[in-house]
Amino acid sequence: MDEPLTVKQLTLDTWDDFEALFREHGTQNGCWCMYWRTTRAECQRGYGEGNRLALRAIVTGGKVPGILAYEGDRAIAWCSIAPREDYPTLDRSRTLKRVDDRPVWSITCFFVSKALRRQGVTERLLLAALEYARAQGAEIVEAYPLRTEITKLLPYERYMGIQSTFERMGFEVVAQESGRRPVMRFYLR
């Protein structure tokens, strides 16, 4: 897949496209990208329909919880990117807590359509996410990818990306409280 990605914000206008993508076989569709937006107990209680409705309520309320990439008129990939304040569970994490008091945007999830994996879609979507954050006034974008060396041991945890992908895109490690996930930053100057 070499053509440029068309990228749209997740809004009520693109909600049906998002739902179609998340209903594909293989996605963590019970989460509906609520894992970092709510408490663990609330996410577990809402697994499935409850989490879908919770994310839809965020969108209905006018917030944009991320961006969709399209091939033609079909959504093929998702990136959850928003101000860190939209992900309160990050601050409750012992290993992903705030590095400092600077305002940052956070990337917490990727999902690529199964048929298009391993074709560079994640890198292209990451570039689009950086541009989207820049257009919204962000100065720093943070990510919490899985360390490259352990992706084969924990493949189910790749949803936040892989460290080597972020390194190739110019992200820097700014904290490492965990053996699994560094805190990485990209400075939008």
Foldseek 3Di string as FASTA:
>chain_A
DPDAWDKDFDAPVCLVLLVVQLVDPPHQQQQVVCCQQDDNVQSVVSRHPNNSVVVNVCRVVPDGQWMFTDDVPHTFKIWGKDWCVSRVVLCVDPFNHDPDPDTEMEIAFMDGHPVCPPPCPVLSRVVVRVVVCVVVPGFKYKFWAFEQVCCVVCVVRCGRDYPVSVVVVPWDFDAGPDPTTTITMDGDD
